[in-house]
PDB file of all heavy atoms in Angstrom:
ATOM      1  N   THR A   1     -26.705 -14.581 -11.105  1.00  0.00           N
ATOM      2  CA  THR A   1     -27.346 -15.330 -10.026  1.00  0.00           C
ATOM      3  C   THR A   1     -27.296 -14.514  -8.742  1.00  0.00           C
ATOM      4  O   THR A   1     -26.218 -14.109  -8.298  1.00  0.00           O
ATOM      5  CB  THR A   1     -26.660 -16.695  -9.818  1.00  0.00           C
ATOM      6  OG1 THR A   1     -26.727 -17.440 -11.042  1.00  0.00           O
ATOM      7  CG2 THR A   1     -27.343 -17.474  -8.708  1.00  0.00           C
ATOM      8  N   ARG A   2     -28.463 -14.295  -8.162  1.00  0.00           N
ATOM      9  CA  ARG A   2     -28.521 -13.497  -6.932  1.00  0.00           C
ATOM     10  C   ARG A   2     -27.771 -14.186  -5.799  1.00  0.00           C
ATOM     11  O   ARG A   2     -27.776 -15.419  -5.687  1.00  0.00           O
ATOM     12  CB  ARG A   2     -29.972 -13.281  -6.492  1.00  0.00           C
ATOM     13  CG  ARG A   2     -30.808 -12.461  -7.451  1.00  0.00           C
ATOM     14  CD  ARG A   2     -32.213 -12.273  -6.871  1.00  0.00           C
ATOM     15  NE  ARG A   2     -33.087 -11.487  -7.735  1.00  0.00           N
ATOM     16  CZ  ARG A   2     -33.970 -11.997  -8.576  1.00  0.00           C
ATOM     17  NH1 ARG A   2     -34.078 -13.323  -8.691  1.00  0.00           N
ATOM     18  NH2 ARG A   2     -34.739 -11.212  -9.303  1.00  0.00           N
ATOM     19  N   THR A   3     -27.167 -13.368  -4.959  1.00  0.00           N
ATOM     20  CA  THR A   3     -26.516 -13.873  -3.769  1.00  0.00           C
ATOM     21  C   THR A   3     -26.744 -12.872  -2.641  1.00  0.00           C
ATOM     22  O   THR A   3     -27.331 -11.815  -2.849  1.00  0.00           O
ATOM     23  CB  THR A   3     -25.004 -14.088  -4.012  1.00  0.00           C
ATOM     24  OG1 THR A   3     -24.427 -14.750  -2.884  1.00  0.00           O
ATOM     25  CG2 THR A   3     -24.291 -12.750  -4.208  1.00  0.00           C
ATOM     26  N   THR A   4     -26.296 -13.203  -1.449  1.00  0.00           N
ATOM     27  CA  THR A   4     -26.407 -12.258  -0.336  1.00  0.00           C
ATOM     28  C   THR A   4     -25.404 -11.135  -0.547  1.00  0.00           C
ATOM     29  O   THR A   4     -24.207 -11.375  -0.674  1.00  0.00           O
ATOM     30  CB  THR A   4     -26.137 -12.953   1.015  1.00  0.00           C
ATOM     31  OG1 THR A   4     -27.111 -13.987   1.204  1.00  0.00           O
ATOM     32  CG2 THR A   4     -26.232 -11.963   2.159  1.00  0.00           C
ATOM     33  N   ILE A   5     -25.911  -9.913  -0.616  1.00  0.00           N
ATOM     34  CA  ILE A   5     -25.066  -8.749  -0.856  1.00  0.00           C
ATOM     35  C   ILE A   5     -24.872  -7.987   0.444  1.00  0.00           C
ATOM     36  O   ILE A   5     -25.844  -7.603   1.109  1.00  0.00           O
ATOM     37  CB  ILE A   5     -25.693  -7.810  -1.908  1.00  0.00           C
ATOM     38  CG1 ILE A   5     -25.973  -8.569  -3.209  1.00  0.00           C
ATOM     39  CG2 ILE A   5     -24.795  -6.602  -2.149  1.00  0.00           C
ATOM     40  CD1 ILE A   5     -24.751  -9.129  -3.896  1.00  0.00           C
ATOM     41  N   VAL A   6     -23.654  -7.803   0.818  1.00  0.00           N
ATOM     42  CA  VAL A   6     -23.322  -6.943   1.950  1.00  0.00           C
ATOM     43  C   VAL A   6     -22.678  -5.694   1.378  1.00  0.00           C
ATOM     44  O   VAL A   6     -21.599  -5.754   0.800  1.00  0.00           O
ATOM     45  CB  VAL A   6     -22.373  -7.641   2.944  1.00  0.00           C
ATOM     46  CG1 VAL A   6     -22.026  -6.700   4.089  1.00  0.00           C
ATOM     47  CG2 VAL A   6     -23.004  -8.923   3.471  1.00  0.00           C
ATOM     48  N   VAL A   7     -23.377  -4.565   1.508  1.00  0.00           N
ATOM     49  CA  VAL A   7     -22.885  -3.325   0.917  1.00  0.00           C
ATOM     50  C   VAL A   7     -21.810  -2.731   1.832  1.00  0.00           C
ATOM     51  O   VAL A   7     -22.097  -2.381   2.977  1.00  0.00           O
ATOM     52  CB  VAL A   7     -24.018  -2.303   0.738  1.00  0.00           C
ATOM     53  CG1 VAL A   7     -23.485  -1.015   0.135  1.00  0.00           C
ATOM     54  CG2 VAL A   7     -25.117  -2.883  -0.141  1.00  0.00           C
ATOM     55  N   PRO A   8     -20.572  -2.623   1.350  1.00  0.00           N
ATOM     56  CA  PRO A   8     -19.536  -2.010   2.184  1.00  0.00           C
ATOM     57  C   PRO A   8     -19.766  -0.505   2.266  1.00  0.00           C
ATOM     58  O   PRO A   8     -19.756   0.193   1.255  1.00  0.00           O
ATOM     59  CB  PRO A   8     -18.237  -2.341   1.433  1.00  0.00           C
ATOM     60  CG  PRO A   8     -18.650  -2.517   0.010  1.00  0.00           C
ATOM     61  CD  PRO A   8     -20.061  -3.034   0.032  1.00  0.00           C
ATOM     62  N   ALA A   9     -20.008  -0.012   3.463  1.00  0.00           N
ATOM     63  CA  ALA A   9     -20.220   1.422   3.625  1.00  0.00           C
ATOM     64  C   ALA A   9     -18.926   2.185   3.382  1.00  0.00           C
ATOM     65  O   ALA A   9     -18.938   3.328   2.916  1.00  0.00           O
ATOM     66  CB  ALA A   9     -20.749   1.722   5.022  1.00  0.00           C
ATOM     67  N   VAL A  10     -17.793   1.544   3.681  1.00  0.00           N
ATOM     68  CA  VAL A  10     -16.489   2.198   3.574  1.00  0.00           C
ATOM     69  C   VAL A  10     -15.509   1.250   2.884  1.00  0.00           C
ATOM     70  O   VAL A  10     -15.482   0.052   3.184  1.00  0.00           O
ATOM     71  CB  VAL A  10     -15.936   2.581   4.969  1.00  0.00           C
ATOM     72  CG1 VAL A  10     -14.555   3.213   4.860  1.00  0.00           C
ATOM     73  CG2 VAL A  10     -16.902   3.517   5.697  1.00  0.00           C
ATOM     74  N   GLU A  11     -14.733   1.794   1.962  1.00  0.00           N
ATOM     75  CA  GLU A  11     -13.653   1.038   1.315  1.00  0.00           C
ATOM     76  C   GLU A  11     -12.382   1.872   1.403  1.00  0.00           C
ATOM     77  O   GLU A  11     -12.423   3.098   1.250  1.00  0.00           O
ATOM     78  CB  GLU A  11     -13.989   0.754  -0.142  1.00  0.00           C
ATOM     79  CG  GLU A  11     -15.212  -0.137  -0.319  1.00  0.00           C
ATOM     80  CD  GLU A  11     -15.583  -0.307  -1.780  1.00  0.00           C
ATOM     81  OE1 GLU A  11     -16.146   0.640  -2.350  1.00  0.00           O
ATOM     82  OE2 GLU A  11     -15.284  -1.377  -2.332  1.00  0.00           O
ATOM     83  N   GLU A  12     -11.279   1.209   1.645  1.00  0.00           N
ATOM     84  CA  GLU A  12     -10.012   1.943   1.787  1.00  0.00           C
ATOM     85  C   GLU A  12      -8.922   1.298   0.948  1.00  0.00           C
ATOM     86  O   GLU A  12      -8.994   0.120   0.599  1.00  0.00           O
ATOM     87  CB  GLU A  12      -9.576   2.005   3.259  1.00  0.00           C
ATOM     88  CG  GLU A  12      -8.979   0.722   3.814  1.00  0.00           C
ATOM     89  CD  GLU A  12     -10.002  -0.381   4.000  1.00  0.00           C
ATOM     90  OE1 GLU A  12     -11.135  -0.090   4.425  1.00  0.00           O
ATOM     91  OE2 GLU A  12      -9.654  -1.552   3.699  1.00  0.00           O
ATOM     92  N   ARG A  13      -7.921   2.081   0.609  1.00  0.00           N
ATOM     93  CA  ARG A  13      -6.718   1.565  -0.043  1.00  0.00           C
ATOM     94  C   ARG A  13      -5.601   2.580   0.197  1.00  0.00           C
ATOM     95  O   ARG A  13      -5.834   3.707   0.632  1.00  0.00           O
ATOM     96  CB  ARG A  13      -6.943   1.328  -1.532  1.00  0.00           C
ATOM     97  CG  ARG A  13      -7.142   2.580  -2.382  1.00  0.00           C
ATOM     98  CD  ARG A  13      -7.206   2.214  -3.872  1.00  0.00           C
ATOM     99  NE  ARG A  13      -7.279   3.402  -4.719  1.00  0.00           N
ATOM    100  CZ  ARG A  13      -8.401   3.922  -5.195  1.00  0.00           C
ATOM    101  NH1 ARG A  13      -9.568   3.366  -4.884  1.00  0.00           N
ATOM    102  NH2 ARG A  13      -8.373   4.989  -5.976  1.00  0.00           N
ATOM    103  N   VAL A  14      -4.401   2.144  -0.113  1.00  0.00           N
ATOM    104  CA  VAL A  14      -3.223   2.988   0.062  1.00  0.00           C
ATOM    105  C   VAL A  14      -2.829   3.599  -1.272  1.00  0.00           C
ATOM    106  O   VAL A  14      -2.759   2.901  -2.283  1.00  0.00           O
ATOM    107  CB  VAL A  14      -2.057   2.159   0.645  1.00  0.00           C
ATOM    108  CG1 VAL A  14      -0.741   2.914   0.550  1.00  0.00           C
ATOM    109  CG2 VAL A  14      -2.357   1.789   2.092  1.00  0.00           C
ATOM    110  N   GLU A  15      -2.609   4.897  -1.295  1.00  0.00           N
ATOM    111  CA  GLU A  15      -2.062   5.597  -2.455  1.00  0.00           C
ATOM    112  C   GLU A  15      -0.661   6.087  -2.070  1.00  0.00           C
ATOM    113  O   GLU A  15      -0.463   7.244  -1.725  1.00  0.00           O
ATOM    114  CB  GLU A  15      -2.960   6.781  -2.845  1.00  0.00           C
ATOM    115  CG  GLU A  15      -4.331   6.396  -3.375  1.00  0.00           C
ATOM    116  CD  GLU A  15      -4.273   5.860  -4.801  1.00  0.00           C
ATOM    117  OE1 GLU A  15      -3.177   5.893  -5.408  1.00  0.00           O
ATOM    118  OE2 GLU A  15      -5.318   5.403  -5.304  1.00  0.00           O
ATOM    119  N   ALA A  16       0.297   5.117  -2.092  1.00  0.00           N
ATOM    120  CA  ALA A  16       1.688   5.404  -1.693  1.00  0.00           C
ATOM    121  C   ALA A  16       1.725   5.907  -0.254  1.00  0.00           C
ATOM    122  O   ALA A  16       1.590   5.125   0.675  1.00  0.00           O
ATOM    123  CB  ALA A  16       2.346   6.374  -2.664  1.00  0.00           C
ATOM    124  N   ASP A  17       1.863   7.227  -0.053  1.00  0.00           N
ATOM    125  CA  ASP A  17       1.975   7.795   1.296  1.00  0.00           C
ATOM    126  C   ASP A  17       0.685   8.461   1.763  1.00  0.00           C
ATOM    127  O   ASP A  17       0.678   9.214   2.737  1.00  0.00           O
ATOM    128  CB  ASP A  17       3.119   8.805   1.340  1.00  0.00           C
ATOM    129  CG  ASP A  17       3.034   9.855   0.231  1.00  0.00           C
ATOM    130  OD1 ASP A  17       2.065   9.805  -0.557  1.00  0.00           O
ATOM    131  OD2 ASP A  17       3.937  10.707   0.137  1.00  0.00           O
ATOM    132  N   VAL A  18      -0.419   8.186   1.089  1.00  0.00           N
ATOM    133  CA  VAL A  18      -1.704   8.790   1.434  1.00  0.00           C
ATOM    134  C   VAL A  18      -2.755   7.684   1.607  1.00  0.00           C
ATOM    135  O   VAL A  18      -2.790   6.724   0.836  1.00  0.00           O
ATOM    136  CB  VAL A  18      -2.175   9.780   0.339  1.00  0.00           C
ATOM    137  CG1 VAL A  18      -3.567  10.337   0.668  1.00  0.00           C
ATOM    138  CG2 VAL A  18      -1.176  10.916   0.170  1.00  0.00           C
ATOM    139  N   GLY A  19      -3.592   7.834   2.618  1.00  0.00           N
ATOM    140  CA  GLY A  19      -4.693   6.901   2.812  1.00  0.00           C
ATOM    141  C   GLY A  19      -5.926   7.378   2.062  1.00  0.00           C
ATOM    142  O   GLY A  19      -6.356   8.524   2.237  1.00  0.00           O
ATOM    143  N   TYR A  20      -6.472   6.529   1.198  1.00  0.00           N
ATOM    144  CA  TYR A  20      -7.681   6.851   0.444  1.00  0.00           C
ATOM    145  C   TYR A  20      -8.840   6.080   1.055  1.00  0.00           C
ATOM    146  O   TYR A  20      -8.793   4.854   1.186  1.00  0.00           O
ATOM    147  CB  TYR A  20      -7.522   6.468  -1.030  1.00  0.00           C
ATOM    148  CG  TYR A  20      -8.813   6.539  -1.825  1.00  0.00           C
ATOM    149  CD1 TYR A  20      -9.246   7.740  -2.368  1.00  0.00           C
ATOM    150  CD2 TYR A  20      -9.599   5.403  -2.008  1.00  0.00           C
ATOM    151  CE1 TYR A  20     -10.441   7.807  -3.092  1.00  0.00           C
ATOM    152  CE2 TYR A  20     -10.790   5.459  -2.730  1.00  0.00           C
ATOM    153  CZ  TYR A  20     -11.201   6.664  -3.266  1.00  0.00           C
ATOM    154  OH  TYR A  20     -12.383   6.734  -3.969  1.00  0.00           O
ATOM    155  N   ILE A  21      -9.895   6.797   1.449  1.00  0.00           N
ATOM    156  CA  ILE A  21     -11.057   6.172   2.079  1.00  0.00           C
ATOM    157  C   ILE A  21     -12.321   6.662   1.385  1.00  0.00           C
ATOM    158  O   ILE A  21     -12.609   7.865   1.386  1.00  0.00           O
ATOM    159  CB  ILE A  21     -11.114   6.499   3.582  1.00  0.00           C
ATOM    160  CG1 ILE A  21      -9.866   5.942   4.290  1.00  0.00           C
ATOM    161  CG2 ILE A  21     -12.383   5.922   4.212  1.00  0.00           C
ATOM    162  CD1 ILE A  21      -9.737   6.327   5.736  1.00  0.00           C
ATOM    163  N   ARG A  22     -13.044   5.740   0.774  1.00  0.00           N
ATOM    164  CA  ARG A  22     -14.302   6.083   0.120  1.00  0.00           C
ATOM    165  C   ARG A  22     -15.460   5.703   1.021  1.00  0.00           C
ATOM    166  O   ARG A  22     -15.579   4.553   1.464  1.00  0.00           O
ATOM    167  CB  ARG A  22     -14.455   5.354  -1.216  1.00  0.00           C
ATOM    168  CG  ARG A  22     -15.777   5.675  -1.905  1.00  0.00           C
ATOM    169  CD  ARG A  22     -15.963   4.895  -3.200  1.00  0.00           C
ATOM    170  NE  ARG A  22     -17.203   5.290  -3.859  1.00  0.00           N
ATOM    171  CZ  ARG A  22     -18.389   4.708  -3.670  1.00  0.00           C
ATOM    172  NH1 ARG A  22     -18.498   3.691  -2.820  1.00  0.00           N
ATOM    173  NH2 ARG A  22     -19.465   5.136  -4.308  1.00  0.00           N
ATOM    174  N   ILE A  23     -16.323   6.668   1.328  1.00  0.00           N
ATOM    175  CA  ILE A  23     -17.540   6.409   2.091  1.00  0.00           C
ATOM    176  C   ILE A  23     -18.692   6.403   1.094  1.00  0.00           C
ATOM    177  O   ILE A  23     -19.031   7.438   0.518  1.00  0.00           O
ATOM    178  CB  ILE A  23     -17.753   7.467   3.187  1.00  0.00           C
ATOM    179  CG1 ILE A  23     -16.554   7.472   4.150  1.00  0.00           C
ATOM    180  CG2 ILE A  23     -19.042   7.190   3.952  1.00  0.00           C
ATOM    181  CD1 ILE A  23     -16.643   8.523   5.232  1.00  0.00           C
ATOM    182  N   GLY A  24     -19.277   5.233   0.880  1.00  0.00           N
ATOM    183  CA  GLY A  24     -20.308   5.096  -0.146  1.00  0.00           C
ATOM    184  C   GLY A  24     -21.699   5.431   0.335  1.00  0.00           C
ATOM    185  O   GLY A  24     -22.544   5.876  -0.428  1.00  0.00           O
ATOM    186  N   THR A  25     -21.954   5.221   1.644  1.00  0.00           N
ATOM    187  CA  THR A  25     -23.259   5.505   2.214  1.00  0.00           C
ATOM    188  C   THR A  25     -23.119   5.654   3.717  1.00  0.00           C
ATOM    189  O   THR A  25     -22.097   5.258   4.295  1.00  0.00           O
ATOM    190  CB  THR A  25     -24.270   4.380   1.886  1.00  0.00           C
ATOM    191  OG1 THR A  25     -25.565   4.768   2.323  1.00  0.00           O
ATOM    192  CG2 THR A  25     -23.871   3.071   2.547  1.00  0.00           C
ATOM    193  N   PHE A  26     -24.133   6.229   4.350  1.00  0.00           N
ATOM    194  CA  PHE A  26     -24.122   6.381   5.802  1.00  0.00           C
ATOM    195  C   PHE A  26     -25.152   5.430   6.401  1.00  0.00           C
ATOM    196  O   PHE A  26     -26.290   5.790   6.673  1.00  0.00           O
ATOM    197  CB  PHE A  26     -24.408   7.835   6.186  1.00  0.00           C
ATOM    198  CG  PHE A  26     -23.258   8.751   5.905  1.00  0.00           C
ATOM    199  CD1 PHE A  26     -23.117   9.342   4.660  1.00  0.00           C
ATOM    200  CD2 PHE A  26     -22.286   8.995   6.860  1.00  0.00           C
ATOM    201  CE1 PHE A  26     -22.040  10.173   4.374  1.00  0.00           C
ATOM    202  CE2 PHE A  26     -21.207   9.825   6.592  1.00  0.00           C
ATOM    203  CZ  PHE A  26     -21.081  10.412   5.345  1.00  0.00           C
ATOM    204  N   SER A  27     -24.722   4.171   6.570  1.00  0.00           N
ATOM    205  CA  SER A  27     -25.563   3.140   7.172  1.00  0.00           C
ATOM    206  C   SER A  27     -25.065   2.886   8.595  1.00  0.00           C
ATOM    207  O   SER A  27     -24.188   3.584   9.095  1.00  0.00           O
ATOM    208  CB  SER A  27     -25.477   1.851   6.350  1.00  0.00           C
ATOM    209  OG  SER A  27     -24.185   1.280   6.461  1.00  0.00           O
ATOM    210  N   GLU A  28     -25.622   1.869   9.235  1.00  0.00           N
ATOM    211  CA  GLU A  28     -25.210   1.536  10.596  1.00  0.00           C
ATOM    212  C   GLU A  28     -23.717   1.196  10.680  1.00  0.00           C
ATOM    213  O   GLU A  28     -23.116   1.302  11.743  1.00  0.00           O
ATOM    214  CB  GLU A  28     -26.024   0.345  11.113  1.00  0.00           C
ATOM    215  CG  GLU A  28     -27.496   0.653  11.353  1.00  0.00           C
ATOM    216  CD  GLU A  28     -28.255  -0.567  11.840  1.00  0.00           C
ATOM    217  OE1 GLU A  28     -27.641  -1.658  11.919  1.00  0.00           O
ATOM    218  OE2 GLU A  28     -29.453  -0.439  12.147  1.00  0.00           O
ATOM    219  N   GLN A  29     -23.144   0.780   9.549  1.00  0.00           N
ATOM    220  CA  GLN A  29     -21.762   0.291   9.554  1.00  0.00           C
ATOM    221  C   GLN A  29     -20.720   1.381   9.295  1.00  0.00           C
ATOM    222  O   GLN A  29     -19.517   1.118   9.346  1.00  0.00           O
ATOM    223  CB  GLN A  29     -21.597  -0.768   8.461  1.00  0.00           C
ATOM    224  CG  GLN A  29     -22.638  -1.863   8.479  1.00  0.00           C
ATOM    225  CD  GLN A  29     -22.604  -2.688   7.202  1.00  0.00           C
ATOM    226  OE1 GLN A  29     -21.584  -2.809   6.542  1.00  0.00           O
ATOM    227  NE2 GLN A  29     -23.729  -3.263   6.843  1.00  0.00           N
ATOM    228  N   THR A  30     -21.152   2.617   9.002  1.00  0.00           N
ATOM    229  CA  THR A  30     -20.221   3.594   8.413  1.00  0.00           C
ATOM    230  C   THR A  30     -19.107   4.025   9.360  1.00  0.00           C
ATOM    231  O   THR A  30     -17.928   3.972   9.008  1.00  0.00           O
ATOM    232  CB  THR A  30     -20.994   4.822   7.900  1.00  0.00           C
ATOM    233  OG1 THR A  30     -21.936   4.394   6.924  1.00  0.00           O
ATOM    234  CG2 THR A  30     -20.038   5.820   7.262  1.00  0.00           C
ATOM    235  N   TYR A  31     -19.444   4.474  10.557  1.00  0.00           N
ATOM    236  CA  TYR A  31     -18.390   4.970  11.453  1.00  0.00           C
ATOM    237  C   TYR A  31     -17.391   3.866  11.781  1.00  0.00           C
ATOM    238  O   TYR A  31     -16.179   4.086  11.742  1.00  0.00           O
ATOM    239  CB  TYR A  31     -18.975   5.541  12.750  1.00  0.00           C
ATOM    240  CG  TYR A  31     -17.882   5.886  13.742  1.00  0.00           C
ATOM    241  CD1 TYR A  31     -17.076   7.005  13.552  1.00  0.00           C
ATOM    242  CD2 TYR A  31     -17.620   5.048  14.828  1.00  0.00           C
ATOM    243  CE1 TYR A  31     -16.039   7.296  14.432  1.00  0.00           C
ATOM    244  CE2 TYR A  31     -16.597   5.335  15.714  1.00  0.00           C
ATOM    245  CZ  TYR A  31     -15.812   6.458  15.515  1.00  0.00           C
ATOM    246  OH  TYR A  31     -14.786   6.735  16.374  1.00  0.00           O
ATOM    247  N   GLU A  32     -17.905   2.680  12.087  1.00  0.00           N
ATOM    248  CA  GLU A  32     -16.994   1.586  12.414  1.00  0.00           C
ATOM    249  C   GLU A  32     -16.116   1.237  11.214  1.00  0.00           C
ATOM    250  O   GLU A  32     -14.926   0.950  11.357  1.00  0.00           O
ATOM    251  CB  GLU A  32     -17.797   0.364  12.863  1.00  0.00           C
ATOM    252  CG  GLU A  32     -16.966  -0.790  13.407  1.00  0.00           C
ATOM    253  CD  GLU A  32     -16.154  -0.419  14.634  1.00  0.00           C
ATOM    254  OE1 GLU A  32     -16.511   0.568  15.321  1.00  0.00           O
ATOM    255  OE2 GLU A  32     -15.166  -1.125  14.910  1.00  0.00           O
ATOM    256  N   GLY A  33     -16.702   1.276  10.011  1.00  0.00           N
ATOM    257  CA  GLY A  33     -15.912   1.035   8.809  1.00  0.00           C
ATOM    258  C   GLY A  33     -14.842   2.095   8.610  1.00  0.00           C
ATOM    259  O   GLY A  33     -13.717   1.788   8.187  1.00  0.00           O
ATOM    260  N   LEU A  34     -15.169   3.346   8.907  1.00  0.00           N
ATOM    261  CA  LEU A  34     -14.181   4.419   8.802  1.00  0.00           C
ATOM    262  C   LEU A  34     -13.042   4.215   9.787  1.00  0.00           C
ATOM    263  O   LEU A  34     -11.862   4.343   9.430  1.00  0.00           O
ATOM    264  CB  LEU A  34     -14.861   5.768   9.055  1.00  0.00           C
ATOM    265  CG  LEU A  34     -13.924   6.978   9.158  1.00  0.00           C
ATOM    266  CD1 LEU A  34     -13.267   7.269   7.812  1.00  0.00           C
ATOM    267  CD2 LEU A  34     -14.672   8.205   9.665  1.00  0.00           C
ATOM    268  N   ARG A  35     -13.386   3.895  11.021  1.00  0.00           N
ATOM    269  CA  ARG A  35     -12.349   3.689  12.041  1.00  0.00           C
ATOM    270  C   ARG A  35     -11.405   2.556  11.633  1.00  0.00           C
ATOM    271  O   ARG A  35     -10.169   2.700  11.722  1.00  0.00           O
ATOM    272  CB  ARG A  35     -13.008   3.366  13.385  1.00  0.00           C
ATOM    273  CG  ARG A  35     -12.041   3.309  14.556  1.00  0.00           C
ATOM    274  CD  ARG A  35     -12.732   2.821  15.819  1.00  0.00           C
ATOM    275  NE  ARG A  35     -13.221   1.459  15.677  1.00  0.00           N
ATOM    276  CZ  ARG A  35     -12.440   0.376  15.738  1.00  0.00           C
ATOM    277  NH1 ARG A  35     -11.128   0.506  15.920  1.00  0.00           N
ATOM    278  NH2 ARG A  35     -12.956  -0.828  15.598  1.00  0.00           N
ATOM    279  N   LYS A  36     -11.975   1.457  11.160  1.00  0.00           N
ATOM    280  CA  LYS A  36     -11.144   0.330  10.737  1.00  0.00           C
ATOM    281  C   LYS A  36     -10.318   0.692   9.501  1.00  0.00           C
ATOM    282  O   LYS A  36      -9.158   0.270   9.379  1.00  0.00           O
ATOM    283  CB  LYS A  36     -12.019  -0.889  10.448  1.00  0.00           C
ATOM    284  CG  LYS A  36     -12.636  -1.500  11.695  1.00  0.00           C
ATOM    285  CD  LYS A  36     -13.508  -2.698  11.340  1.00  0.00           C
ATOM    286  CE  LYS A  36     -14.108  -3.336  12.586  1.00  0.00           C
ATOM    287  NZ  LYS A  36     -14.996  -4.483  12.264  1.00  0.00           N
ATOM    288  N   GLY A  37     -10.909   1.464   8.594  1.00  0.00           N
ATOM    289  CA  GLY A  37     -10.185   1.874   7.394  1.00  0.00           C
ATOM    290  C   GLY A  37      -8.980   2.745   7.720  1.00  0.00           C
ATOM    291  O   GLY A  37      -7.900   2.575   7.138  1.00  0.00           O
ATOM    292  N   ILE A  38      -9.165   3.680   8.636  1.00  0.00           N
ATOM    293  CA  ILE A  38      -8.041   4.531   9.054  1.00  0.00           C
ATOM    294  C   ILE A  38      -6.955   3.687   9.702  1.00  0.00           C
ATOM    295  O   ILE A  38      -5.759   3.844   9.416  1.00  0.00           O
ATOM    296  CB  ILE A  38      -8.541   5.635   9.999  1.00  0.00           C
ATOM    297  CG1 ILE A  38      -9.406   6.639   9.229  1.00  0.00           C
ATOM    298  CG2 ILE A  38      -7.357   6.355  10.663  1.00  0.00           C
ATOM    299  CD1 ILE A  38     -10.072   7.676  10.106  1.00  0.00           C
ATOM    300  N   ASP A  39      -7.358   2.766  10.582  1.00  0.00           N
ATOM    301  CA  ASP A  39      -6.371   1.888  11.230  1.00  0.00           C
ATOM    302  C   ASP A  39      -5.601   1.066  10.201  1.00  0.00           C
ATOM    303  O   ASP A  39      -4.384   0.875  10.315  1.00  0.00           O
ATOM    304  CB  ASP A  39      -7.069   0.946  12.217  1.00  0.00           C
ATOM    305  CG  ASP A  39      -7.532   1.654  13.485  1.00  0.00           C
ATOM    306  OD1 ASP A  39      -7.086   2.804  13.734  1.00  0.00           O
ATOM    307  OD2 ASP A  39      -8.352   1.065  14.227  1.00  0.00           O
ATOM    308  N   LYS A  40      -6.319   0.601   9.172  1.00  0.00           N
ATOM    309  CA  LYS A  40      -5.677  -0.269   8.179  1.00  0.00           C
ATOM    310  C   LYS A  40      -4.645   0.483   7.350  1.00  0.00           C
ATOM    311  O   LYS A  40      -3.524   0.006   7.156  1.00  0.00           O
ATOM    312  CB  LYS A  40      -6.746  -0.878   7.265  1.00  0.00           C
ATOM    313  CG  LYS A  40      -6.209  -1.913   6.297  1.00  0.00           C
ATOM    314  CD  LYS A  40      -7.342  -2.600   5.541  1.00  0.00           C
ATOM    315  CE  LYS A  40      -6.805  -3.629   4.556  1.00  0.00           C
ATOM    316  NZ  LYS A  40      -7.894  -4.317   3.818  1.00  0.00           N
ATOM    317  N   VAL A  41      -5.005   1.692   6.861  1.00  0.00           N
ATOM    318  CA  VAL A  41      -4.029   2.425   6.050  1.00  0.00           C
ATOM    319  C   VAL A  41      -2.876   2.937   6.916  1.00  0.00           C
ATOM    320  O   VAL A  41      -1.723   3.014   6.447  1.00  0.00           O
ATOM    321  CB  VAL A  41      -4.700   3.586   5.274  1.00  0.00           C
ATOM    322  CG1 VAL A  41      -5.710   3.053   4.275  1.00  0.00           C
ATOM    323  CG2 VAL A  41      -5.334   4.614   6.189  1.00  0.00           C
ATOM    324  N   ASN A  42      -3.153   3.259   8.182  1.00  0.00           N
ATOM    325  CA  ASN A  42      -2.076   3.667   9.081  1.00  0.00           C
ATOM    326  C   ASN A  42      -1.072   2.538   9.275  1.00  0.00           C
ATOM    327  O   ASN A  42       0.148   2.750   9.260  1.00  0.00           O
ATOM    328  CB  ASN A  42      -2.640   4.076  10.443  1.00  0.00           C
ATOM    329  CG  ASN A  42      -3.287   5.450  10.427  1.00  0.00           C
ATOM    330  OD1 ASN A  42      -3.135   6.201   9.469  1.00  0.00           O
ATOM    331  ND2 ASN A  42      -4.006   5.780  11.488  1.00  0.00           N
ATOM    332  N   ALA A  43      -1.598   1.307   9.445  1.00  0.00           N
ATOM    333  CA  ALA A  43      -0.710   0.161   9.652  1.00  0.00           C
ATOM    334  C   ALA A  43       0.094  -0.147   8.404  1.00  0.00           C
ATOM    335  O   ALA A  43       1.274  -0.516   8.490  1.00  0.00           O
ATOM    336  CB  ALA A  43      -1.543  -1.058  10.061  1.00  0.00           C
ATOM    337  N   GLU A  44      -0.520   0.035   7.238  1.00  0.00           N
ATOM    338  CA  GLU A  44       0.160  -0.306   5.990  1.00  0.00           C
ATOM    339  C   GLU A  44       1.229   0.725   5.626  1.00  0.00           C
ATOM    340  O   GLU A  44       2.314   0.367   5.157  1.00  0.00           O
ATOM    341  CB  GLU A  44      -0.873  -0.422   4.866  1.00  0.00           C
ATOM    342  CG  GLU A  44      -0.337  -1.106   3.620  1.00  0.00           C
ATOM    343  CD  GLU A  44      -1.443  -1.509   2.664  1.00  0.00           C
ATOM    344  OE1 GLU A  44      -2.612  -1.629   3.097  1.00  0.00           O
ATOM    345  OE2 GLU A  44      -1.128  -1.722   1.471  1.00  0.00           O
TER     346      GLU A  44
END
């Protein structure tokens, strides 16, 4: 069933002591997603 899809330009997770950040596309959201992703793994 179709729904509203919001494509995440950036996804992040923690790999123990390393921050992993996947950039899937360069849309309007990418830089802001990267900045938030870095902040999130730094905090974690």
